[in-house]
Amino acid sequence: MGWLNADLVQAFGVALATVIGAFTARQAAQVRKLRYRVTELETQDGTDIERFRTMVRLIRALLHHRAELTGLLAPDVKAPEPPVIPEWLATEL
């Protein structure tokens, strides 16, 4: 059993600990990146929900405006102004 001496076992243990440490460090870096990405996506989700609500309000206002223009007002009454489109949405329309 000359190959199973204390120095060889210790060297093997150190090498194994180094590999496990490197793998753990790599996993920790990936977890950190994924946590950052999840936080970013949750923030974007909140922004998207608010944009969707704003667009729904705008669509409803435009539908109401269309109804007024198609005959709900008397012919001698001036047509109302269209609703204001948010600046960030104007570029998408």
PDB file of N, CA and C in Angstrom:
ATOM      1  N   MET A   1       0.817  -1.183   0.000  1.00  0.00           N
ATOM      2  CA  MET A   1       0.000   0.000   0.000  1.00  0.00           C
ATOM      3  C   MET A   1       0.870   1.260   0.000  1.00  0.00           C
ATOM      4  N   GLY A   2       1.854   1.254  -0.819  1.00  0.00           N
ATOM      5  CA  GLY A   2       2.746   2.394  -0.895  1.00  0.00           C
ATOM      6  C   GLY A   2       2.102   3.598  -1.565  1.00  0.00           C
ATOM      7  N   TRP A   3       1.137   3.357  -2.414  1.00  0.00           N
ATOM      8  CA  TRP A   3       0.496   4.481  -3.109  1.00  0.00           C
ATOM      9  C   TRP A   3      -0.529   5.186  -2.238  1.00  0.00           C
ATOM     10  N   LEU A   4      -0.948   4.584  -1.111  1.00  0.00           N
ATOM     11  CA  LEU A   4      -1.964   5.167  -0.238  1.00  0.00           C
ATOM     12  C   LEU A   4      -1.291   5.746   1.005  1.00  0.00           C
ATOM     13  N   ASN A   5      -0.347   6.639   0.805  1.00  0.00           N
ATOM     14  CA  ASN A   5       0.315   7.259   1.950  1.00  0.00           C
ATOM     15  C   ASN A   5      -0.398   8.560   2.327  1.00  0.00           C
ATOM     16  N   ALA A   6      -0.045   9.119   3.452  1.00  0.00           N
ATOM     17  CA  ALA A   6      -0.719  10.302   3.998  1.00  0.00           C
ATOM     18  C   ALA A   6      -0.569  11.517   3.092  1.00  0.00           C
ATOM     19  N   ASP A   7       0.587  11.690   2.492  1.00  0.00           N
ATOM     20  CA  ASP A   7       0.801  12.855   1.620  1.00  0.00           C
ATOM     21  C   ASP A   7      -0.094  12.800   0.384  1.00  0.00           C
ATOM     22  N   LEU A   8      -0.243  11.629  -0.186  1.00  0.00           N
ATOM     23  CA  LEU A   8      -1.089  11.474  -1.370  1.00  0.00           C
ATOM     24  C   LEU A   8      -2.561  11.696  -1.025  1.00  0.00           C
ATOM     25  N   VAL A   9      -2.998  11.164   0.091  1.00  0.00           N
ATOM     26  CA  VAL A   9      -4.393  11.359   0.522  1.00  0.00           C
ATOM     27  C   VAL A   9      -4.652  12.833   0.794  1.00  0.00           C
ATOM     28  N   GLN A  10      -3.693  13.499   1.430  1.00  0.00           N
ATOM     29  CA  GLN A  10      -3.852  14.921   1.720  1.00  0.00           C
ATOM     30  C   GLN A  10      -3.882  15.735   0.423  1.00  0.00           C
ATOM     31  N   ALA A  11      -3.027  15.427  -0.519  1.00  0.00           N
ATOM     32  CA  ALA A  11      -3.008  16.143  -1.801  1.00  0.00           C
ATOM     33  C   ALA A  11      -4.318  15.927  -2.549  1.00  0.00           C
ATOM     34  N   PHE A  12      -4.808  14.698  -2.519  1.00  0.00           N
ATOM     35  CA  PHE A  12      -6.093  14.420  -3.166  1.00  0.00           C
ATOM     36  C   PHE A  12      -7.225  15.199  -2.489  1.00  0.00           C
ATOM     37  N   GLY A  13      -7.198  15.271  -1.172  1.00  0.00           N
ATOM     38  CA  GLY A  13      -8.212  16.034  -0.430  1.00  0.00           C
ATOM     39  C   GLY A  13      -8.164  17.512  -0.758  1.00  0.00           C
ATOM     40  N   VAL A  14      -6.969  18.063  -0.850  1.00  0.00           N
ATOM     41  CA  VAL A  14      -6.809  19.481  -1.196  1.00  0.00           C
ATOM     42  C   VAL A  14      -7.313  19.737  -2.609  1.00  0.00           C
ATOM     43  N   ALA A  15      -6.986  18.856  -3.538  1.00  0.00           N
ATOM     44  CA  ALA A  15      -7.446  19.022  -4.921  1.00  0.00           C
ATOM     45  C   ALA A  15      -8.967  18.942  -4.991  1.00  0.00           C
ATOM     46  N   LEU A  16      -9.547  17.991  -4.275  1.00  0.00           N
ATOM     47  CA  LEU A  16     -11.004  17.854  -4.265  1.00  0.00           C
ATOM     48  C   LEU A  16     -11.666  19.083  -3.642  1.00  0.00           C
ATOM     49  N   ALA A  17     -11.101  19.589  -2.556  1.00  0.00           N
ATOM     50  CA  ALA A  17     -11.643  20.793  -1.917  1.00  0.00           C
ATOM     51  C   ALA A  17     -11.544  21.993  -2.851  1.00  0.00           C
ATOM     52  N   THR A  18     -10.470  22.082  -3.617  1.00  0.00           N
ATOM     53  CA  THR A  18     -10.306  23.180  -4.572  1.00  0.00           C
ATOM     54  C   THR A  18     -11.355  23.106  -5.673  1.00  0.00           C
ATOM     55  N   VAL A  19     -11.590  21.919  -6.192  1.00  0.00           N
ATOM     56  CA  VAL A  19     -12.600  21.751  -7.247  1.00  0.00           C
ATOM     57  C   VAL A  19     -13.985  22.093  -6.708  1.00  0.00           C
ATOM     58  N   ILE A  20     -14.306  21.612  -5.516  1.00  0.00           N
ATOM     59  CA  ILE A  20     -15.617  21.913  -4.918  1.00  0.00           C
ATOM     60  C   ILE A  20     -15.748  23.410  -4.651  1.00  0.00           C
ATOM     61  N   GLY A  21     -14.677  24.041  -4.177  1.00  0.00           N
ATOM     62  CA  GLY A  21     -14.702  25.488  -3.931  1.00  0.00           C
ATOM     63  C   GLY A  21     -14.917  26.276  -5.208  1.00  0.00           C
ATOM     64  N   ALA A  22     -14.239  25.883  -6.280  1.00  0.00           N
ATOM     65  CA  ALA A  22     -14.403  26.579  -7.562  1.00  0.00           C
ATOM     66  C   ALA A  22     -15.821  26.403  -8.090  1.00  0.00           C
ATOM     67  N   PHE A  23     -16.351  25.194  -7.979  1.00  0.00           N
ATOM     68  CA  PHE A  23     -17.713  24.935  -8.444  1.00  0.00           C
ATOM     69  C   PHE A  23     -18.722  25.750  -7.635  1.00  0.00           C
ATOM     70  N   THR A  24     -18.533  25.805  -6.319  1.00  0.00           N
ATOM     71  CA  THR A  24     -19.435  26.572  -5.453  1.00  0.00           C
ATOM     72  C   THR A  24     -19.356  28.062  -5.774  1.00  0.00           C
ATOM     73  N   ALA A  25     -18.161  28.571  -6.010  1.00  0.00           N
ATOM     74  CA  ALA A  25     -18.003  29.987  -6.356  1.00  0.00           C
ATOM     75  C   ALA A  25     -18.685  30.298  -7.680  1.00  0.00           C
ATOM     76  N   ARG A  26     -18.555  29.401  -8.637  1.00  0.00           N
ATOM     77  CA  ARG A  26     -19.211  29.610  -9.938  1.00  0.00           C
ATOM     78  C   ARG A  26     -20.727  29.601  -9.778  1.00  0.00           C
ATOM     79  N   GLN A  27     -21.228  28.671  -8.987  1.00  0.00           N
ATOM     80  CA  GLN A  27     -22.673  28.600  -8.749  1.00  0.00           C
ATOM     81  C   GLN A  27     -23.162  29.864  -8.039  1.00  0.00           C
ATOM     82  N   ALA A  28     -22.389  30.362  -7.076  1.00  0.00           N
ATOM     83  CA  ALA A  28     -22.771  31.576  -6.350  1.00  0.00           C
ATOM     84  C   ALA A  28     -22.846  32.769  -7.300  1.00  0.00           C
ATOM     85  N   ALA A  29     -21.912  32.855  -8.224  1.00  0.00           N
ATOM     86  CA  ALA A  29     -21.941  33.951  -9.201  1.00  0.00           C
ATOM     87  C   ALA A  29     -23.174  33.843 -10.093  1.00  0.00           C
ATOM     88  N   GLN A  30     -23.509  32.641 -10.515  1.00  0.00           N
ATOM     89  CA  GLN A  30     -24.696  32.460 -11.352  1.00  0.00           C
ATOM     90  C   GLN A  30     -25.966  32.788 -10.581  1.00  0.00           C
ATOM     91  N   VAL A  31     -26.040  32.383  -9.321  1.00  0.00           N
ATOM     92  CA  VAL A  31     -27.211  32.698  -8.495  1.00  0.00           C
ATOM     93  C   VAL A  31     -27.338  34.204  -8.326  1.00  0.00           C
ATOM     94  N   ARG A  32     -26.222  34.896  -8.118  1.00  0.00           N
ATOM     95  CA  ARG A  32     -26.248  36.351  -7.966  1.00  0.00           C
ATOM     96  C   ARG A  32     -26.778  37.016  -9.240  1.00  0.00           C
ATOM     97  N   LYS A  33     -26.310  36.549 -10.400  1.00  0.00           N
ATOM     98  CA  LYS A  33     -26.791  37.100 -11.672  1.00  0.00           C
ATOM     99  C   LYS A  33     -28.283  36.842 -11.860  1.00  0.00           C
ATOM    100  N   LEU A  34     -28.719  35.643 -11.518  1.00  0.00           N
ATOM    101  CA  LEU A  34     -30.136  35.307 -11.681  1.00  0.00           C
ATOM    102  C   LEU A  34     -31.017  36.107 -10.726  1.00  0.00           C
ATOM    103  N   ARG A  35     -30.556  36.333  -9.507  1.00  0.00           N
ATOM    104  CA  ARG A  35     -31.330  37.157  -8.567  1.00  0.00           C
ATOM    105  C   ARG A  35     -31.467  38.578  -9.091  1.00  0.00           C
ATOM    106  N   TYR A  36     -30.381  39.116  -9.642  1.00  0.00           N
ATOM    107  CA  TYR A  36     -30.437  40.457 -10.224  1.00  0.00           C
ATOM    108  C   TYR A  36     -31.428  40.497 -11.382  1.00  0.00           C
ATOM    109  N   ARG A  37     -31.398  39.472 -12.218  1.00  0.00           N
ATOM    110  CA  ARG A  37     -32.295  39.419 -13.378  1.00  0.00           C
ATOM    111  C   ARG A  37     -33.755  39.304 -12.939  1.00  0.00           C
ATOM    112  N   VAL A  38     -34.020  38.502 -11.906  1.00  0.00           N
ATOM    113  CA  VAL A  38     -35.391  38.366 -11.399  1.00  0.00           C
ATOM    114  C   VAL A  38     -35.885  39.698 -10.858  1.00  0.00           C
ATOM    115  N   THR A  39     -35.040  40.400 -10.121  1.00  0.00           N
ATOM    116  CA  THR A  39     -35.419  41.716  -9.600  1.00  0.00           C
ATOM    117  C   THR A  39     -35.717  42.674 -10.746  1.00  0.00           C
ATOM    118  N   GLU A  40     -34.879  42.642 -11.771  1.00  0.00           N
ATOM    119  CA  GLU A  40     -35.075  43.504 -12.939  1.00  0.00           C
ATOM    120  C   GLU A  40     -36.396  43.184 -13.643  1.00  0.00           C
ATOM    121  N   LEU A  41     -36.698  41.903 -13.803  1.00  0.00           N
ATOM    122  CA  LEU A  41     -37.940  41.503 -14.469  1.00  0.00           C
ATOM    123  C   LEU A  41     -39.168  41.852 -13.635  1.00  0.00           C
ATOM    124  N   GLU A  42     -39.075  41.742 -12.317  1.00  0.00           N
ATOM    125  CA  GLU A  42     -40.200  42.121 -11.465  1.00  0.00           C
ATOM    126  C   GLU A  42     -40.467  43.618 -11.567  1.00  0.00           C
ATOM    127  N   THR A  43     -39.409  44.410 -11.623  1.00  0.00           N
ATOM    128  CA  THR A  43     -39.570  45.855 -11.795  1.00  0.00           C
ATOM    129  C   THR A  43     -40.202  46.160 -13.149  1.00  0.00           C
ATOM    130  N   GLN A  44     -39.741  45.488 -14.186  1.00  0.00           N
ATOM    131  CA  GLN A  44     -40.290  45.688 -15.527  1.00  0.00           C
ATOM    132  C   GLN A  44     -41.753  45.262 -15.574  1.00  0.00           C
ATOM    133  N   ASP A  45     -42.101  44.199 -14.858  1.00  0.00           N
ATOM    134  CA  ASP A  45     -43.479  43.728 -14.820  1.00  0.00           C
ATOM    135  C   ASP A  45     -44.386  44.800 -14.223  1.00  0.00           C
ATOM    136  N   GLY A  46     -43.933  45.435 -13.140  1.00  0.00           N
ATOM    137  CA  GLY A  46     -44.717  46.514 -12.539  1.00  0.00           C
ATOM    138  C   GLY A  46     -44.901  47.672 -13.497  1.00  0.00           C
ATOM    139  N   THR A  47     -43.853  48.008 -14.228  1.00  0.00           N
ATOM    140  CA  THR A  47     -43.932  49.086 -15.215  1.00  0.00           C
ATOM    141  C   THR A  47     -44.885  48.708 -16.350  1.00  0.00           C
ATOM    142  N   ASP A  48     -44.811  47.462 -16.806  1.00  0.00           N
ATOM    143  CA  ASP A  48     -45.690  47.012 -17.887  1.00  0.00           C
ATOM    144  C   ASP A  48     -47.151  47.030 -17.463  1.00  0.00           C
ATOM    145  N   ILE A  49     -47.428  46.641 -16.232  1.00  0.00           N
ATOM    146  CA  ILE A  49     -48.811  46.659 -15.736  1.00  0.00           C
ATOM    147  C   ILE A  49     -49.341  48.085 -15.738  1.00  0.00           C
ATOM    148  N   GLU A  50     -48.527  49.027 -15.273  1.00  0.00           N
ATOM    149  CA  GLU A  50     -48.967  50.421 -15.245  1.00  0.00           C
ATOM    150  C   GLU A  50     -49.171  50.957 -16.663  1.00  0.00           C
ATOM    151  N   ARG A  51     -48.290  50.594 -17.590  1.00  0.00           N
ATOM    152  CA  ARG A  51     -48.460  51.025 -18.987  1.00  0.00           C
ATOM    153  C   ARG A  51     -49.738  50.438 -19.574  1.00  0.00           C
ATOM    154  N   PHE A  52     -50.021  49.182 -19.268  1.00  0.00           N
ATOM    155  CA  PHE A  52     -51.230  48.535 -19.767  1.00  0.00           C
ATOM    156  C   PHE A  52     -52.469  49.249 -19.236  1.00  0.00           C
ATOM    157  N   ARG A  53     -52.463  49.582 -17.963  1.00  0.00           N
ATOM    158  CA  ARG A  53     -53.607  50.303 -17.381  1.00  0.00           C
ATOM    159  C   ARG A  53     -53.795  51.663 -18.050  1.00  0.00           C
ATOM    160  N   THR A  54     -52.683  52.347 -18.308  1.00  0.00           N
ATOM    161  CA  THR A  54     -52.764  53.649 -18.975  1.00  0.00           C
ATOM    162  C   THR A  54     -53.335  53.493 -20.380  1.00  0.00           C
ATOM    163  N   MET A  55     -52.907  52.460 -21.097  1.00  0.00           N
ATOM    164  CA  MET A  55     -53.420  52.237 -22.451  1.00  0.00           C
ATOM    165  C   MET A  55     -54.906  51.883 -22.434  1.00  0.00           C
ATOM    166  N   VAL A  56     -55.341  51.107 -21.444  1.00  0.00           N
ATOM    167  CA  VAL A  56     -56.765  50.772 -21.339  1.00  0.00           C
ATOM    168  C   VAL A  56     -57.574  52.037 -21.087  1.00  0.00           C
ATOM    169  N   ARG A  57     -57.079  52.905 -20.201  1.00  0.00           N
ATOM    170  CA  ARG A  57     -57.780  54.169 -19.952  1.00  0.00           C
ATOM    171  C   ARG A  57     -57.853  55.010 -21.227  1.00  0.00           C
ATOM    172  N   LEU A  58     -56.767  55.046 -21.981  1.00  0.00           N
ATOM    173  CA  LEU A  58     -56.748  55.817 -23.225  1.00  0.00           C
ATOM    174  C   LEU A  58     -57.729  55.233 -24.237  1.00  0.00           C
ATOM    175  N   ILE A  59     -57.775  53.921 -24.361  1.00  0.00           N
ATOM    176  CA  ILE A  59     -58.707  53.282 -25.298  1.00  0.00           C
ATOM    177  C   ILE A  59     -60.143  53.594 -24.911  1.00  0.00           C
ATOM    178  N   ARG A  60     -60.443  53.521 -23.626  1.00  0.00           N
ATOM    179  CA  ARG A  60     -61.805  53.846 -23.175  1.00  0.00           C
ATOM    180  C   ARG A  60     -62.150  55.302 -23.469  1.00  0.00           C
ATOM    181  N   ALA A  61     -61.184  56.194 -23.238  1.00  0.00           N
ATOM    182  CA  ALA A  61     -61.429  57.608 -23.530  1.00  0.00           C
ATOM    183  C   ALA A  61     -61.644  57.820 -25.025  1.00  0.00           C
ATOM    184  N   LEU A  62     -60.868  57.120 -25.850  1.00  0.00           N
ATOM    185  CA  LEU A  62     -61.043  57.247 -27.301  1.00  0.00           C
ATOM    186  C   LEU A  62     -62.385  56.677 -27.753  1.00  0.00           C
ATOM    187  N   LEU A  63     -62.820  55.579 -27.154  1.00  0.00           N
ATOM    188  CA  LEU A  63     -64.134  55.020 -27.495  1.00  0.00           C
ATOM    189  C   LEU A  63     -65.248  55.980 -27.102  1.00  0.00           C
ATOM    190  N   HIS A  64     -65.105  56.592 -25.940  1.00  0.00           N
ATOM    191  CA  HIS A  64     -66.103  57.576 -25.510  1.00  0.00           C
ATOM    192  C   HIS A  64     -66.102  58.776 -26.459  1.00  0.00           C
ATOM    193  N   HIS A  65     -64.932  59.206 -26.843  1.00  0.00           N
ATOM    194  CA  HIS A  65     -64.811  60.327 -27.777  1.00  0.00           C
ATOM    195  C   HIS A  65     -65.455  59.977 -29.123  1.00  0.00           C
ATOM    196  N   ARG A  66     -65.225  58.761 -29.587  1.00  0.00           N
ATOM    197  CA  ARG A  66     -65.825  58.325 -30.848  1.00  0.00           C
ATOM    198  C   ARG A  66     -67.347  58.307 -30.749  1.00  0.00           C
ATOM    199  N   ALA A  67     -67.859  57.831 -29.620  1.00  0.00           N
ATOM    200  CA  ALA A  67     -69.310  57.797 -29.434  1.00  0.00           C
ATOM    201  C   ALA A  67     -69.889  59.207 -29.452  1.00  0.00           C
ATOM    202  N   GLU A  68     -69.179  60.130 -28.842  1.00  0.00           N
ATOM    203  CA  GLU A  68     -69.651  61.519 -28.862  1.00  0.00           C
ATOM    204  C   GLU A  68     -69.634  62.072 -30.278  1.00  0.00           C
ATOM    205  N   LEU A  69     -68.618  61.731 -31.032  1.00  0.00           N
ATOM    206  CA  LEU A  69     -68.501  62.250 -32.387  1.00  0.00           C
ATOM    207  C   LEU A  69     -69.502  61.620 -33.351  1.00  0.00           C
ATOM    208  N   THR A  70     -69.966  60.426 -33.075  1.00  0.00           N
ATOM    209  CA  THR A  70     -70.866  59.750 -34.013  1.00  0.00           C
ATOM    210  C   THR A  70     -72.328  60.094 -33.812  1.00  0.00           C
ATOM    211  N   GLY A  71     -72.635  61.009 -32.983  1.00  0.00           N
ATOM    212  CA  GLY A  71     -74.019  61.431 -32.934  1.00  0.00           C
ATOM    213  C   GLY A  71     -74.615  61.651 -31.571  1.00  0.00           C
ATOM    214  N   LEU A  72     -73.865  61.444 -30.521  1.00  0.00           N
ATOM    215  CA  LEU A  72     -74.446  61.677 -29.208  1.00  0.00           C
ATOM    216  C   LEU A  72     -74.598  63.163 -28.913  1.00  0.00           C
ATOM    217  N   LEU A  73     -73.849  63.985 -29.623  1.00  0.00           N
ATOM    218  CA  LEU A  73     -73.962  65.427 -29.438  1.00  0.00           C
ATOM    219  C   LEU A  73     -74.891  66.009 -30.501  1.00  0.00           C
ATOM    220  N   ALA A  74     -75.503  67.089 -30.151  1.00  0.00           N
ATOM    221  CA  ALA A  74     -76.363  67.776 -31.121  1.00  0.00           C
ATOM    222  C   ALA A  74     -75.485  68.339 -32.238  1.00  0.00           C
ATOM    223  N   PRO A  75     -76.006  68.427 -33.469  1.00  0.00           N
ATOM    224  CA  PRO A  75     -75.193  68.894 -34.601  1.00  0.00           C
ATOM    225  C   PRO A  75     -74.626  70.302 -34.422  1.00  0.00           C
ATOM    226  N   ASP A  76     -75.277  71.129 -33.623  1.00  0.00           N
ATOM    227  CA  ASP A  76     -74.792  72.498 -33.484  1.00  0.00           C
ATOM    228  C   ASP A  76     -73.789  72.662 -32.338  1.00  0.00           C
ATOM    229  N   VAL A  77     -73.490  71.605 -31.651  1.00  0.00           N
ATOM    230  CA  VAL A  77     -72.524  71.674 -30.557  1.00  0.00           C
ATOM    231  C   VAL A  77     -71.142  71.319 -31.101  1.00  0.00           C
ATOM    232  N   LYS A  78     -70.154  72.077 -30.674  1.00  0.00           N
ATOM    233  CA  LYS A  78     -68.785  71.843 -31.133  1.00  0.00           C
ATOM    234  C   LYS A  78     -68.290  70.486 -30.612  1.00  0.00           C
ATOM    235  N   ALA A  79     -67.581  69.761 -31.460  1.00  0.00           N
ATOM    236  CA  ALA A  79     -67.043  68.449 -31.075  1.00  0.00           C
ATOM    237  C   ALA A  79     -65.972  68.619 -30.000  1.00  0.00           C
ATOM    238  N   PRO A  80     -65.942  67.708 -29.047  1.00  0.00           N
ATOM    239  CA  PRO A  80     -64.930  67.827 -27.989  1.00  0.00           C
ATOM    240  C   PRO A  80     -63.540  67.488 -28.515  1.00  0.00           C
ATOM    241  N   GLU A  81     -62.555  67.956 -27.794  1.00  0.00           N
ATOM    242  CA  GLU A  81     -61.167  67.664 -28.156  1.00  0.00           C
ATOM    243  C   GLU A  81     -60.864  66.199 -27.843  1.00  0.00           C
ATOM    244  N   PRO A  82     -60.040  65.563 -28.668  1.00  0.00           N
ATOM    245  CA  PRO A  82     -59.671  64.169 -28.373  1.00  0.00           C
ATOM    246  C   PRO A  82     -58.842  64.102 -27.091  1.00  0.00           C
ATOM    247  N   PRO A  83     -58.847  62.947 -26.415  1.00  0.00           N
ATOM    248  CA  PRO A  83     -58.061  62.828 -25.182  1.00  0.00           C
ATOM    249  C   PRO A  83     -56.565  62.935 -25.469  1.00  0.00           C
ATOM    250  N   VAL A  84     -55.855  63.372 -24.473  1.00  0.00           N
ATOM    251  CA  VAL A  84     -54.410  63.555 -24.606  1.00  0.00           C
ATOM    252  C   VAL A  84     -53.727  62.190 -24.536  1.00  0.00           C
ATOM    253  N   ILE A  85     -52.877  61.934 -25.512  1.00  0.00           N
ATOM    254  CA  ILE A  85     -52.120  60.681 -25.552  1.00  0.00           C
ATOM    255  C   ILE A  85     -50.813  60.902 -24.796  1.00  0.00           C
ATOM    256  N   PRO A  86     -50.481  60.002 -23.847  1.00  0.00           N
ATOM    257  CA  PRO A  86     -49.215  60.166 -23.125  1.00  0.00           C
ATOM    258  C   PRO A  86     -48.033  60.200 -24.093  1.00  0.00           C
ATOM    259  N   GLU A  87     -47.028  60.972 -23.728  1.00  0.00           N
ATOM    260  CA  GLU A  87     -45.875  61.167 -24.614  1.00  0.00           C
ATOM    261  C   GLU A  87     -45.167  59.853 -24.933  1.00  0.00           C
ATOM    262  N   TRP A  88     -45.025  58.969 -23.931  1.00  0.00           N
ATOM    263  CA  TRP A  88     -44.316  57.705 -24.153  1.00  0.00           C
ATOM    264  C   TRP A  88     -45.092  56.775 -25.065  1.00  0.00           C
ATOM    265  N   LEU A  89     -46.426  56.973 -25.154  1.00  0.00           N
ATOM    266  CA  LEU A  89     -47.237  56.110 -25.988  1.00  0.00           C
ATOM    267  C   LEU A  89     -47.375  56.670 -27.405  1.00  0.00           C
ATOM    268  N   ALA A  90     -47.202  57.967 -27.551  1.00  0.00           N
ATOM    269  CA  ALA A  90     -47.374  58.596 -28.861  1.00  0.00           C
ATOM    270  C   ALA A  90     -46.389  58.040 -29.890  1.00  0.00           C
ATOM    271  N   THR A  91     -45.197  57.698 -29.449  1.00  0.00           N
ATOM    272  CA  THR A  91     -44.207  57.164 -30.392  1.00  0.00           C
ATOM    273  C   THR A  91     -44.551  55.758 -30.845  1.00  0.00           C
ATOM    274  N   GLU A  92     -45.355  55.024 -30.062  1.00  0.00           N
ATOM    275  CA  GLU A  92     -45.708  53.654 -30.414  1.00  0.00           C
ATOM    276  C   GLU A  92     -46.935  53.577 -31.312  1.00  0.00           C
ATOM    277  N   LEU A  93     -47.696  54.648 -31.389  1.00  0.00           N
ATOM    278  CA  LEU A  93     -48.920  54.622 -32.200  1.00  0.00           C
ATOM    279  C   LEU A  93     -48.645  54.951 -33.647  1.00  0.00           C
TER     280      LEU A  93
END
